[in-house]
Amino acid sequence: MQRVTIAQVAERAGVSTATVSRVLSGRGPVSAGVQRKVRKAADELGYQVNSIARALRNSRTDTVGMVVPSISNPFFTSLVESVEHALGREGKELFLCDARSDPEVEARRLATLVARNVDGIIVSPSHGTLSGAAVQETAGRLPLVQLDRFVGGTSTDWVGVDDVAAMRQVMDHLHAGGARSAAFAGSLLTNSSTEQRFAGFRRRAEDLGIAVDPDRILLGDYSVEWGETAAARLIAAGDLPDAIVCADDLIALGVTRACRAHGVDVPGRVQVTGYDNIEFSRLSEPALTTVDQPRERIAAEAVRLLAAAAGEAAGDRGPSAHIALVPTLVIRESTRARA
């Protein structure tokens, strides 16, 4: 079947090919009546825009690449969805890559996206230091925004939440519920999310006089399985802390599951908190108290920053933006409101 041409659309609509081009590209003044005629003709003929030809003419592809540490993590799945919706409102498409929590895989994904001539890249780096070189090199070739996680020493924009402020909310709530000792369960300190959340946890625990035994700092990965393992270790050691603060909801789900298996009452014996407010957090038993990240706002800011960077000449760029949004503590049944 032959491809329908602009000339055929113009003939059907009774206008020039230049007018058809202006209507379909959205550039140039065209009356509403003519626009309707052209779009109707294009629909009737089944005309499709040649995206490759348009990219060559406009020096842009209207595509954005995104690289996340792990698409299997529900938080990143929902964040990708929010970014895709934000890009869709701007008429852009998303190319998604999974770094598999491996900086080397991540570097290859970034290079592939550059080779595919995307207009910009949004990345949540998988490692706090090992991701730095590839992120900076990519940022030197096209607009790039770091999202949620970040690597230091790079001249790129970043948008996410204030993890330290979030942990302040968590610890204040646990303290009000009677917690005077706490454990922390997170991933290894190899990414900014865990680093910032752990720092906020330690700082606020010290401020409030909440005891944190070094043996109660348990670092593994972001998974339900690690949460189960961490909780089992605390239970086996005896003398549970008053609260277990988890660096994400997956870990917290594992912790509450292990507590149920060992007959430990949550929140009667130990309070448990998560982070991210993934969909499963409200469905667990008990429903998790967790930190809600404003994903729609994060995505919208990332897309805005990317567009701003794309519109600036390399030499005209000002200081990199660092936007930390305020998260919200969602209080559910895994903690106590008051002692």
C-alpha atoms as a PDB file:
ATOM      1  CA  MET A   1       0.000   0.000   0.000  1.00  0.00           C
ATOM      2  CA  GLN A   2       1.428   3.371  -1.054  1.00  0.00           C
ATOM      3  CA  ARG A   3       2.059   6.059   1.522  1.00  0.00           C
ATOM      4  CA  VAL A   4      -0.343   9.010   1.397  1.00  0.00           C
ATOM      5  CA  THR A   5       1.466  12.261   0.571  1.00  0.00           C
ATOM      6  CA  ILE A   6       0.997  15.857   1.655  1.00  0.00           C
ATOM      7  CA  ALA A   7       0.097  16.684  -1.954  1.00  0.00           C
ATOM      8  CA  GLN A   8      -2.834  14.259  -1.809  1.00  0.00           C
ATOM      9  CA  VAL A   9      -4.033  15.775   1.467  1.00  0.00           C
ATOM     10  CA  ALA A  10      -3.742  19.259  -0.038  1.00  0.00           C
ATOM     11  CA  GLU A  11      -5.752  18.222  -3.091  1.00  0.00           C
ATOM     12  CA  ARG A  12      -8.495  16.649  -0.967  1.00  0.00           C
ATOM     13  CA  ALA A  13      -8.685  19.745   1.312  1.00  0.00           C
ATOM     14  CA  GLY A  14      -8.447  22.224  -1.568  1.00  0.00           C
ATOM     15  CA  VAL A  15      -5.416  24.048  -0.125  1.00  0.00           C
ATOM     16  CA  SER A  16      -1.713  24.330  -0.879  1.00  0.00           C
ATOM     17  CA  THR A  17       0.878  21.835   0.346  1.00  0.00           C
ATOM     18  CA  ALA A  18       2.439  24.668   2.366  1.00  0.00           C
ATOM     19  CA  THR A  19      -0.840  25.145   4.224  1.00  0.00           C
ATOM     20  CA  VAL A  20      -1.078  21.418   4.971  1.00  0.00           C
ATOM     21  CA  SER A  21       2.480  21.500   6.288  1.00  0.00           C
ATOM     22  CA  ARG A  22       1.719  24.451   8.573  1.00  0.00           C
ATOM     23  CA  VAL A  23      -1.394  22.767   9.953  1.00  0.00           C
ATOM     24  CA  LEU A  24       0.205  19.384  10.608  1.00  0.00           C
ATOM     25  CA  SER A  25       3.362  20.872  12.118  1.00  0.00           C
ATOM     26  CA  GLY A  26       1.443  23.366  14.236  1.00  0.00           C
ATOM     27  CA  ARG A  27       3.594  26.205  12.912  1.00  0.00           C
ATOM     28  CA  GLY A  28       2.390  29.332  11.208  1.00  0.00           C
ATOM     29  CA  PRO A  29      -0.981  31.120  11.205  1.00  0.00           C
ATOM     30  CA  VAL A  30      -3.870  29.093   9.773  1.00  0.00           C
ATOM     31  CA  SER A  31      -7.568  29.753  10.368  1.00  0.00           C
ATOM     32  CA  ALA A  32      -9.592  27.305  12.430  1.00  0.00           C
ATOM     33  CA  GLY A  33     -11.785  26.475   9.440  1.00  0.00           C
ATOM     34  CA  VAL A  34      -8.837  25.570   7.243  1.00  0.00           C
ATOM     35  CA  GLN A  35      -7.297  23.520  10.044  1.00  0.00           C
ATOM     36  CA  ARG A  36     -10.489  21.478  10.312  1.00  0.00           C
ATOM     37  CA  LYS A  37     -10.557  20.888   6.534  1.00  0.00           C
ATOM     38  CA  VAL A  38      -6.937  19.762   6.456  1.00  0.00           C
ATOM     39  CA  ARG A  39      -7.213  17.457   9.469  1.00  0.00           C
ATOM     40  CA  LYS A  40     -10.424  15.940   8.102  1.00  0.00           C
ATOM     41  CA  ALA A  41      -8.747  15.278   4.750  1.00  0.00           C
ATOM     42  CA  ALA A  42      -5.716  13.755   6.479  1.00  0.00           C
ATOM     43  CA  ASP A  43      -7.942  11.476   8.576  1.00  0.00           C
ATOM     44  CA  GLU A  44     -10.007  10.376   5.572  1.00  0.00           C
ATOM     45  CA  LEU A  45      -6.901   9.502   3.583  1.00  0.00           C
ATOM     46  CA  GLY A  46      -5.113   7.879   6.537  1.00  0.00           C
ATOM     47  CA  TYR A  47      -2.175  10.274   6.285  1.00  0.00           C
ATOM     48  CA  GLN A  48       0.633   9.742   8.800  1.00  0.00           C
ATOM     49  CA  VAL A  49       3.410  12.201   9.549  1.00  0.00           C
ATOM     50  CA  ASN A  50       6.870  10.971   8.524  1.00  0.00           C
ATOM     51  CA  SER A  51       8.619  11.401  11.869  1.00  0.00           C
ATOM     52  CA  ILE A  52      12.090  10.826  10.419  1.00  0.00           C
ATOM     53  CA  ALA A  53      11.676  13.483   7.752  1.00  0.00           C
ATOM     54  CA  ARG A  54      10.228  15.907  10.285  1.00  0.00           C
ATOM     55  CA  ALA A  55      13.154  15.296  12.635  1.00  0.00           C
ATOM     56  CA  LEU A  56      15.609  16.075   9.841  1.00  0.00           C
ATOM     57  CA  ARG A  57      13.788  19.304   9.006  1.00  0.00           C
ATOM     58  CA  ASN A  58      13.380  20.496  12.586  1.00  0.00           C
ATOM     59  CA  SER A  59      16.652  19.189  14.062  1.00  0.00           C
ATOM     60  CA  ARG A  60      14.629  17.512  16.807  1.00  0.00           C
ATOM     61  CA  THR A  61      12.871  14.194  17.228  1.00  0.00           C
ATOM     62  CA  ASP A  62      10.266  15.109  19.876  1.00  0.00           C
ATOM     63  CA  THR A  63      11.514  12.130  21.884  1.00  0.00           C
ATOM     64  CA  VAL A  64      13.007  12.022  25.374  1.00  0.00           C
ATOM     65  CA  GLY A  65      14.994   9.172  26.885  1.00  0.00           C
ATOM     66  CA  MET A  66      14.594   8.037  30.466  1.00  0.00           C
ATOM     67  CA  VAL A  67      16.860   5.704  32.433  1.00  0.00           C
ATOM     68  CA  VAL A  68      15.785   4.311  35.826  1.00  0.00           C
ATOM     69  CA  PRO A  69      17.663   1.993  38.211  1.00  0.00           C
ATOM     70  CA  SER A  70      15.027  -0.747  38.159  1.00  0.00           C
ATOM     71  CA  ILE A  71      11.700  -0.797  36.354  1.00  0.00           C
ATOM     72  CA  SER A  72      10.616  -3.677  38.620  1.00  0.00           C
ATOM     73  CA  ASN A  73      10.489  -1.279  41.581  1.00  0.00           C
ATOM     74  CA  PRO A  74       6.878  -0.022  41.753  1.00  0.00           C
ATOM     75  CA  PHE A  75       8.011   3.485  42.668  1.00  0.00           C
ATOM     76  CA  PHE A  76       9.977   3.871  39.452  1.00  0.00           C
ATOM     77  CA  THR A  77       7.162   2.285  37.452  1.00  0.00           C
ATOM     78  CA  SER A  78       4.758   4.950  38.679  1.00  0.00           C
ATOM     79  CA  LEU A  79       7.358   7.700  38.227  1.00  0.00           C
ATOM     80  CA  VAL A  80       7.878   6.661  34.610  1.00  0.00           C
ATOM     81  CA  GLU A  81       4.129   6.812  34.075  1.00  0.00           C
ATOM     82  CA  SER A  82       4.024  10.348  35.477  1.00  0.00           C
ATOM     83  CA  VAL A  83       6.905  11.462  33.251  1.00  0.00           C
ATOM     84  CA  GLU A  84       5.283   9.902  30.181  1.00  0.00           C
ATOM     85  CA  HIS A  85       2.047  11.788  30.887  1.00  0.00           C
ATOM     86  CA  ALA A  86       3.933  15.063  31.382  1.00  0.00           C
ATOM     87  CA  LEU A  87       5.800  14.576  28.106  1.00  0.00           C
ATOM     88  CA  GLY A  88       2.591  13.639  26.304  1.00  0.00           C
ATOM     89  CA  ARG A  89       1.104  16.993  27.231  1.00  0.00           C
ATOM     90  CA  GLU A  90       4.059  18.571  25.411  1.00  0.00           C
ATOM     91  CA  GLY A  91       3.620  16.378  22.343  1.00  0.00           C
ATOM     92  CA  LYS A  92       6.702  14.264  23.079  1.00  0.00           C
ATOM     93  CA  GLU A  93       7.279  10.512  23.275  1.00  0.00           C
ATOM     94  CA  LEU A  94       9.295   8.568  25.841  1.00  0.00           C
ATOM     95  CA  PHE A  95      12.045   5.989  25.259  1.00  0.00           C
ATOM     96  CA  LEU A  96      12.505   4.008  28.494  1.00  0.00           C
ATOM     97  CA  CYS A  97      15.629   2.118  29.579  1.00  0.00           C
ATOM     98  CA  ASP A  98      16.228  -0.062  32.658  1.00  0.00           C
ATOM     99  CA  ALA A  99      19.734   0.211  34.146  1.00  0.00           C
ATOM    100  CA  ARG A 100      19.262  -2.984  36.185  1.00  0.00           C
ATOM    101  CA  SER A 101      20.922  -1.170  39.116  1.00  0.00           C
ATOM    102  CA  ASP A 102      24.244  -1.513  37.271  1.00  0.00           C
ATOM    103  CA  PRO A 103      26.309   1.615  36.431  1.00  0.00           C
ATOM    104  CA  GLU A 104      27.915  -0.108  33.435  1.00  0.00           C
ATOM    105  CA  VAL A 105      24.532  -1.057  31.970  1.00  0.00           C
ATOM    106  CA  GLU A 106      23.348   2.468  32.731  1.00  0.00           C
ATOM    107  CA  ALA A 107      26.285   3.980  30.812  1.00  0.00           C
ATOM    108  CA  ARG A 108      25.456   1.844  27.771  1.00  0.00           C
ATOM    109  CA  ARG A 109      21.786   2.862  27.953  1.00  0.00           C
ATOM    110  CA  LEU A 110      22.735   6.548  28.068  1.00  0.00           C
ATOM    111  CA  ALA A 111      25.060   6.155  25.082  1.00  0.00           C
ATOM    112  CA  THR A 112      22.336   4.358  23.129  1.00  0.00           C
ATOM    113  CA  LEU A 113      19.843   7.142  23.758  1.00  0.00           C
ATOM    114  CA  VAL A 114      22.355   9.758  22.613  1.00  0.00           C
ATOM    115  CA  ALA A 115      22.979   7.725  19.438  1.00  0.00           C
ATOM    116  CA  ARG A 116      19.227   7.650  18.790  1.00  0.00           C
ATOM    117  CA  ASN A 117      19.156  11.455  18.768  1.00  0.00           C
ATOM    118  CA  VAL A 118      16.669  11.961  21.569  1.00  0.00           C
ATOM    119  CA  ASP A 119      16.107  15.620  22.401  1.00  0.00           C
ATOM    120  CA  GLY A 120      17.037  15.128  26.059  1.00  0.00           C
ATOM    121  CA  ILE A 121      17.402  12.582  28.840  1.00  0.00           C
ATOM    122  CA  ILE A 122      15.887  12.168  32.299  1.00  0.00           C
ATOM    123  CA  VAL A 123      17.898   9.841  34.514  1.00  0.00           C
ATOM    124  CA  SER A 124      17.694   8.527  38.061  1.00  0.00           C
ATOM    125  CA  PRO A 125      21.296   7.387  38.594  1.00  0.00           C
ATOM    126  CA  SER A 126      21.805   3.885  39.929  1.00  0.00           C
ATOM    127  CA  HIS A 127      24.964   4.700  41.902  1.00  0.00           C
ATOM    128  CA  GLY A 128      26.016   7.776  43.843  1.00  0.00           C
ATOM    129  CA  THR A 129      29.576   7.839  42.485  1.00  0.00           C
ATOM    130  CA  LEU A 130      30.046   5.203  39.775  1.00  0.00           C
ATOM    131  CA  SER A 131      27.260   6.746  37.664  1.00  0.00           C
ATOM    132  CA  GLY A 132      28.946  10.156  37.664  1.00  0.00           C
ATOM    133  CA  ALA A 133      31.210   9.897  34.640  1.00  0.00           C
ATOM    134  CA  ALA A 134      28.530   8.661  32.244  1.00  0.00           C
ATOM    135  CA  VAL A 135      25.967  11.169  33.509  1.00  0.00           C
ATOM    136  CA  GLN A 136      28.370  14.101  33.106  1.00  0.00           C
ATOM    137  CA  GLU A 137      29.535  12.957  29.672  1.00  0.00           C
ATOM    138  CA  THR A 138      25.950  12.622  28.491  1.00  0.00           C
ATOM    139  CA  ALA A 139      25.048  16.031  29.936  1.00  0.00           C
ATOM    140  CA  GLY A 140      27.844  17.524  27.842  1.00  0.00           C
ATOM    141  CA  ARG A 141      26.162  16.282  24.661  1.00  0.00           C
ATOM    142  CA  LEU A 142      22.485  17.050  25.195  1.00  0.00           C
ATOM    143  CA  PRO A 143      20.066  18.372  27.858  1.00  0.00           C
ATOM    144  CA  LEU A 144      19.881  16.101  30.896  1.00  0.00           C
ATOM    145  CA  VAL A 145      17.944  16.238  34.156  1.00  0.00           C
ATOM    146  CA  GLN A 146      18.534  14.012  37.175  1.00  0.00           C
ATOM    147  CA  LEU A 147      15.360  12.789  38.818  1.00  0.00           C
ATOM    148  CA  ASP A 148      14.801  11.491  42.371  1.00  0.00           C
ATOM    149  CA  ARG A 149      18.392  10.288  42.828  1.00  0.00           C
ATOM    150  CA  PHE A 150      21.458  12.318  41.903  1.00  0.00           C
ATOM    151  CA  VAL A 151      25.229  12.080  41.620  1.00  0.00           C
ATOM    152  CA  GLY A 152      27.335  14.883  42.985  1.00  0.00           C
ATOM    153  CA  GLY A 153      29.966  16.795  41.045  1.00  0.00           C
ATOM    154  CA  THR A 154      27.855  17.033  37.899  1.00  0.00           C
ATOM    155  CA  SER A 155      26.607  20.239  36.278  1.00  0.00           C
ATOM    156  CA  THR A 156      23.040  19.104  35.668  1.00  0.00           C
ATOM    157  CA  ASP A 157      19.619  20.046  36.963  1.00  0.00           C
ATOM    158  CA  TRP A 158      17.965  17.838  39.578  1.00  0.00           C
ATOM    159  CA  VAL A 159      14.439  17.497  40.921  1.00  0.00           C
ATOM    160  CA  GLY A 160      13.173  15.235  43.683  1.00  0.00           C
ATOM    161  CA  VAL A 161      12.020  15.429  47.293  1.00  0.00           C
ATOM    162  CA  ASP A 162      13.736  16.635  50.429  1.00  0.00           C
ATOM    163  CA  ASP A 163      14.606  13.273  51.995  1.00  0.00           C
ATOM    164  CA  VAL A 164      16.004  14.846  55.162  1.00  0.00           C
ATOM    165  CA  ALA A 165      12.778  16.792  55.729  1.00  0.00           C
ATOM    166  CA  ALA A 166      10.805  13.602  55.089  1.00  0.00           C
ATOM    167  CA  MET A 167      12.736  11.724  57.759  1.00  0.00           C
ATOM    168  CA  ARG A 168      12.137  14.579  60.166  1.00  0.00           C
ATOM    169  CA  GLN A 169       8.398  14.039  59.713  1.00  0.00           C
ATOM    170  CA  VAL A 170       8.768  10.276  60.155  1.00  0.00           C
ATOM    171  CA  MET A 171      10.835  10.511  63.334  1.00  0.00           C
ATOM    172  CA  ASP A 172       8.632  13.186  64.898  1.00  0.00           C
ATOM    173  CA  HIS A 173       5.578  10.998  64.304  1.00  0.00           C
ATOM    174  CA  LEU A 174       7.242   7.899  65.769  1.00  0.00           C
ATOM    175  CA  HIS A 175       8.440   9.848  68.781  1.00  0.00           C
ATOM    176  CA  ALA A 176       4.914  11.138  69.387  1.00  0.00           C
ATOM    177  CA  GLY A 177       3.765   7.510  69.233  1.00  0.00           C
ATOM    178  CA  GLY A 178       6.129   6.546  72.041  1.00  0.00           C
ATOM    179  CA  ALA A 179       9.229   5.374  70.152  1.00  0.00           C
ATOM    180  CA  ARG A 180      12.420   5.838  72.159  1.00  0.00           C
ATOM    181  CA  SER A 181      14.580   3.412  70.193  1.00  0.00           C
ATOM    182  CA  ALA A 182      14.701   2.708  66.455  1.00  0.00           C
ATOM    183  CA  ALA A 183      16.293   0.598  63.732  1.00  0.00           C
ATOM    184  CA  PHE A 184      16.962   1.608  60.137  1.00  0.00           C
ATOM    185  CA  ALA A 185      16.517  -0.838  57.240  1.00  0.00           C
ATOM    186  CA  GLY A 186      17.686   0.353  53.823  1.00  0.00           C
ATOM    187  CA  SER A 187      19.837  -0.406  50.826  1.00  0.00           C
ATOM    188  CA  LEU A 188      23.606  -0.090  50.820  1.00  0.00           C
ATOM    189  CA  LEU A 189      24.737   3.540  51.018  1.00  0.00           C
ATOM    190  CA  THR A 190      25.535   3.674  47.301  1.00  0.00           C
ATOM    191  CA  ASN A 191      22.782   6.015  46.121  1.00  0.00           C
ATOM    192  CA  SER A 192      21.639   9.464  47.172  1.00  0.00           C
ATOM    193  CA  SER A 193      18.184   8.289  48.252  1.00  0.00           C
ATOM    194  CA  THR A 194      19.439   5.954  50.965  1.00  0.00           C
ATOM    195  CA  GLU A 195      22.281   8.299  51.924  1.00  0.00           C
ATOM    196  CA  GLN A 196      19.944  11.250  52.440  1.00  0.00           C
ATOM    197  CA  ARG A 197      17.256   9.225  54.200  1.00  0.00           C
ATOM    198  CA  PHE A 198      19.756   7.603  56.544  1.00  0.00           C
ATOM    199  CA  ALA A 199      21.366  10.968  57.296  1.00  0.00           C
ATOM    200  CA  GLY A 200      17.957  12.463  58.070  1.00  0.00           C
ATOM    201  CA  PHE A 201      17.076   9.473  60.261  1.00  0.00           C
ATOM    202  CA  ARG A 202      20.286   9.698  62.312  1.00  0.00           C
ATOM    203  CA  ARG A 203      20.104  13.461  62.685  1.00  0.00           C
ATOM    204  CA  ARG A 204      16.498  13.563  63.888  1.00  0.00           C
ATOM    205  CA  ALA A 205      16.935  10.518  66.143  1.00  0.00           C
ATOM    206  CA  GLU A 206      19.778  12.330  67.876  1.00  0.00           C
ATOM    207  CA  ASP A 207      17.707  15.523  68.198  1.00  0.00           C
ATOM    208  CA  LEU A 208      14.821  13.623  69.790  1.00  0.00           C
ATOM    209  CA  GLY A 209      16.911  11.359  72.007  1.00  0.00           C
ATOM    210  CA  ILE A 210      15.816   8.198  70.167  1.00  0.00           C
ATOM    211  CA  ALA A 211      18.420   5.473  70.715  1.00  0.00           C
ATOM    212  CA  VAL A 212      19.940   3.879  67.581  1.00  0.00           C
ATOM    213  CA  ASP A 213      22.169   0.886  68.264  1.00  0.00           C
ATOM    214  CA  PRO A 214      24.804   0.296  65.517  1.00  0.00           C
ATOM    215  CA  ASP A 215      23.605  -3.316  65.271  1.00  0.00           C
ATOM    216  CA  ARG A 216      20.174  -1.987  64.310  1.00  0.00           C
ATOM    217  CA  ILE A 217      21.410  -0.321  61.124  1.00  0.00           C
ATOM    218  CA  LEU A 218      20.667  -2.926  58.462  1.00  0.00           C
ATOM    219  CA  LEU A 219      21.702  -2.237  54.873  1.00  0.00           C
ATOM    220  CA  GLY A 220      20.933  -4.519  51.914  1.00  0.00           C
ATOM    221  CA  ASP A 221      18.772  -3.621  48.917  1.00  0.00           C
ATOM    222  CA  TYR A 222      15.354  -2.271  47.984  1.00  0.00           C
ATOM    223  CA  SER A 223      13.317  -5.467  48.126  1.00  0.00           C
ATOM    224  CA  VAL A 224      10.652  -7.275  50.133  1.00  0.00           C
ATOM    225  CA  GLU A 225      13.104 -10.129  50.657  1.00  0.00           C
ATOM    226  CA  TRP A 226      15.652  -7.846  52.304  1.00  0.00           C
ATOM    227  CA  GLY A 227      12.938  -6.426  54.549  1.00  0.00           C
ATOM    228  CA  GLU A 228      12.059  -9.942  55.710  1.00  0.00           C
ATOM    229  CA  THR A 229      15.715 -10.757  56.329  1.00  0.00           C
ATOM    230  CA  ALA A 230      16.371  -7.528  58.234  1.00  0.00           C
ATOM    231  CA  ALA A 231      13.322  -7.987  60.467  1.00  0.00           C
ATOM    232  CA  ALA A 232      14.181 -11.627  61.141  1.00  0.00           C
ATOM    233  CA  ARG A 233      17.646 -10.567  62.321  1.00  0.00           C
ATOM    234  CA  LEU A 234      16.206  -7.983  64.694  1.00  0.00           C
ATOM    235  CA  ILE A 235      13.669 -10.469  66.060  1.00  0.00           C
ATOM    236  CA  ALA A 236      16.303 -13.201  66.501  1.00  0.00           C
ATOM    237  CA  ALA A 237      18.532 -10.772  68.422  1.00  0.00           C
ATOM    238  CA  GLY A 238      15.725 -10.190  70.939  1.00  0.00           C
ATOM    239  CA  ASP A 239      14.811  -6.870  72.570  1.00  0.00           C
ATOM    240  CA  LEU A 240      13.227  -5.290  69.501  1.00  0.00           C
ATOM    241  CA  PRO A 241      13.447  -1.521  69.054  1.00  0.00           C
ATOM    242  CA  ASP A 242      10.286   0.547  69.365  1.00  0.00           C
ATOM    243  CA  ALA A 243      10.304   1.368  65.650  1.00  0.00           C
ATOM    244  CA  ILE A 244      11.783   0.133  62.378  1.00  0.00           C
ATOM    245  CA  VAL A 245      12.275   2.916  59.835  1.00  0.00           C
ATOM    246  CA  CYS A 246      12.538   1.602  56.275  1.00  0.00           C
ATOM    247  CA  ALA A 247      14.123   3.415  53.321  1.00  0.00           C
ATOM    248  CA  ASP A 248      11.337   2.323  50.989  1.00  0.00           C
ATOM    249  CA  ASP A 249       7.965   0.588  50.986  1.00  0.00           C
ATOM    250  CA  LEU A 250       9.245  -2.709  49.590  1.00  0.00           C
ATOM    251  CA  ILE A 251      11.552  -3.126  52.581  1.00  0.00           C
ATOM    252  CA  ALA A 252       8.738  -2.104  54.943  1.00  0.00           C
ATOM    253  CA  LEU A 253       6.384  -4.662  53.390  1.00  0.00           C
ATOM    254  CA  GLY A 254       8.991  -7.337  54.032  1.00  0.00           C
ATOM    255  CA  VAL A 255       9.422  -6.161  57.620  1.00  0.00           C
ATOM    256  CA  THR A 256       5.691  -6.325  58.406  1.00  0.00           C
ATOM    257  CA  ARG A 257       5.454  -9.722  56.731  1.00  0.00           C
ATOM    258  CA  ALA A 258       8.270 -11.092  58.891  1.00  0.00           C
ATOM    259  CA  CYS A 259       6.698  -9.595  61.993  1.00  0.00           C
ATOM    260  CA  ARG A 260       3.429 -11.393  61.231  1.00  0.00           C
ATOM    261  CA  ALA A 261       5.282 -14.658  60.666  1.00  0.00           C
ATOM    262  CA  HIS A 262       7.014 -14.360  64.063  1.00  0.00           C
ATOM    263  CA  GLY A 263       3.951 -13.187  65.978  1.00  0.00           C
ATOM    264  CA  VAL A 264       5.254  -9.653  66.515  1.00  0.00           C
ATOM    265  CA  ASP A 265       2.402  -7.145  66.705  1.00  0.00           C
ATOM    266  CA  VAL A 266       2.615  -4.072  64.444  1.00  0.00           C
ATOM    267  CA  PRO A 267       2.209  -1.389  65.721  1.00  0.00           C
ATOM    268  CA  GLY A 268       1.559  -2.708  69.260  1.00  0.00           C
ATOM    269  CA  ARG A 269       5.083  -4.070  69.801  1.00  0.00           C
ATOM    270  CA  VAL A 270       6.985  -2.267  67.030  1.00  0.00           C
ATOM    271  CA  GLN A 271       6.036   0.598  64.736  1.00  0.00           C
ATOM    272  CA  VAL A 272       7.044   0.339  61.064  1.00  0.00           C
ATOM    273  CA  THR A 273       7.317   3.074  58.413  1.00  0.00           C
ATOM    274  CA  GLY A 274       7.966   2.964  54.686  1.00  0.00           C
ATOM    275  CA  TYR A 275       8.843   5.473  51.997  1.00  0.00           C
ATOM    276  CA  ASP A 276       7.366   6.207  48.519  1.00  0.00           C
ATOM    277  CA  ASN A 277       3.665   5.439  49.090  1.00  0.00           C
ATOM    278  CA  ILE A 278       3.474   2.807  46.365  1.00  0.00           C
ATOM    279  CA  GLU A 279       0.037   1.321  45.689  1.00  0.00           C
ATOM    280  CA  PHE A 280       0.738  -1.817  47.725  1.00  0.00           C
ATOM    281  CA  SER A 281       1.489   0.214  50.868  1.00  0.00           C
ATOM    282  CA  ARG A 282      -2.188   0.902  51.559  1.00  0.00           C
ATOM    283  CA  LEU A 283      -3.154  -2.711  50.846  1.00  0.00           C
ATOM    284  CA  SER A 284      -0.754  -4.356  53.279  1.00  0.00           C
ATOM    285  CA  GLU A 285      -1.691  -5.733  56.707  1.00  0.00           C
ATOM    286  CA  PRO A 286      -1.441  -3.431  58.519  1.00  0.00           C
ATOM    287  CA  ALA A 287      -1.573  -0.585  55.990  1.00  0.00           C
ATOM    288  CA  LEU A 288       1.781   1.210  55.955  1.00  0.00           C
ATOM    289  CA  THR A 289       2.541   4.641  57.295  1.00  0.00           C
ATOM    290  CA  THR A 290       4.788   6.030  54.572  1.00  0.00           C
ATOM    291  CA  VAL A 291       6.203   9.108  52.880  1.00  0.00           C
ATOM    292  CA  ASP A 292       4.336  10.191  49.774  1.00  0.00           C
ATOM    293  CA  GLN A 293       6.442  11.620  46.974  1.00  0.00           C
ATOM    294  CA  PRO A 294       4.542  14.080  44.728  1.00  0.00           C
ATOM    295  CA  ARG A 295       5.287  12.133  41.551  1.00  0.00           C
ATOM    296  CA  GLU A 296       3.175  14.255  39.220  1.00  0.00           C
ATOM    297  CA  ARG A 297       4.902  17.445  40.376  1.00  0.00           C
ATOM    298  CA  ILE A 298       8.334  15.835  40.194  1.00  0.00           C
ATOM    299  CA  ALA A 299       7.651  14.697  36.628  1.00  0.00           C
ATOM    300  CA  ALA A 300       6.264  18.072  35.566  1.00  0.00           C
ATOM    301  CA  GLU A 301       9.297  19.886  36.979  1.00  0.00           C
ATOM    302  CA  ALA A 302      11.684  17.474  35.254  1.00  0.00           C
ATOM    303  CA  VAL A 303      10.015  18.028  31.885  1.00  0.00           C
ATOM    304  CA  ARG A 304      10.010  21.801  32.441  1.00  0.00           C
ATOM    305  CA  LEU A 305      13.712  21.817  33.330  1.00  0.00           C
ATOM    306  CA  LEU A 306      14.520  19.700  30.301  1.00  0.00           C
ATOM    307  CA  ALA A 307      12.627  22.056  27.988  1.00  0.00           C
ATOM    308  CA  ALA A 308      14.367  25.063  29.521  1.00  0.00           C
ATOM    309  CA  ALA A 309      17.780  23.452  29.036  1.00  0.00           C
ATOM    310  CA  ALA A 310      16.950  22.589  25.431  1.00  0.00           C
ATOM    311  CA  GLY A 311      16.022  26.212  24.750  1.00  0.00           C
ATOM    312  CA  GLU A 312      19.310  27.599  26.043  1.00  0.00           C
ATOM    313  CA  ALA A 313      22.598  27.758  24.180  1.00  0.00           C
ATOM    314  CA  ALA A 314      25.346  25.791  25.902  1.00  0.00           C
ATOM    315  CA  GLY A 315      27.304  28.923  26.762  1.00  0.00           C
ATOM    316  CA  ASP A 316      24.259  30.748  28.090  1.00  0.00           C
ATOM    317  CA  ARG A 317      23.302  28.214  30.769  1.00  0.00           C
ATOM    318  CA  GLY A 318      23.035  29.583  34.282  1.00  0.00           C
ATOM    319  CA  PRO A 319      23.690  27.662  37.509  1.00  0.00           C
ATOM    320  CA  SER A 320      22.177  24.190  37.693  1.00  0.00           C
ATOM    321  CA  ALA A 321      18.761  24.004  39.346  1.00  0.00           C
ATOM    322  CA  HIS A 322      18.319  21.863  42.469  1.00  0.00           C
ATOM    323  CA  ILE A 323      14.619  21.523  43.254  1.00  0.00           C
ATOM    324  CA  ALA A 324      13.711  19.631  46.436  1.00  0.00           C
ATOM    325  CA  LEU A 325       9.947  19.313  46.832  1.00  0.00           C
ATOM    326  CA  VAL A 326       8.339  18.844  50.238  1.00  0.00           C
ATOM    327  CA  PRO A 327       6.943  15.307  50.729  1.00  0.00           C
ATOM    328  CA  THR A 328       3.920  14.341  52.823  1.00  0.00           C
ATOM    329  CA  LEU A 329       3.706  11.783  55.617  1.00  0.00           C
ATOM    330  CA  VAL A 330       0.738   9.446  55.105  1.00  0.00           C
ATOM    331  CA  ILE A 331      -0.260   8.014  58.477  1.00  0.00           C
ATOM    332  CA  ARG A 332      -1.872   4.572  58.441  1.00  0.00           C
ATOM    333  CA  GLU A 333      -2.142   1.551  60.756  1.00  0.00           C
ATOM    334  CA  SER A 334       1.524   0.493  61.062  1.00  0.00           C
ATOM    335  CA  THR A 335       2.272   3.278  63.555  1.00  0.00           C
ATOM    336  CA  ARG A 336       0.647   4.822  66.627  1.00  0.00           C
ATOM    337  CA  ALA A 337      -0.643   8.393  66.558  1.00  0.00           C
ATOM    338  CA  ARG A 338       0.050   9.075  70.227  1.00  0.00           C
ATOM    339  CA  ALA A 339       1.707   7.202  73.048  1.00  0.00           C
END
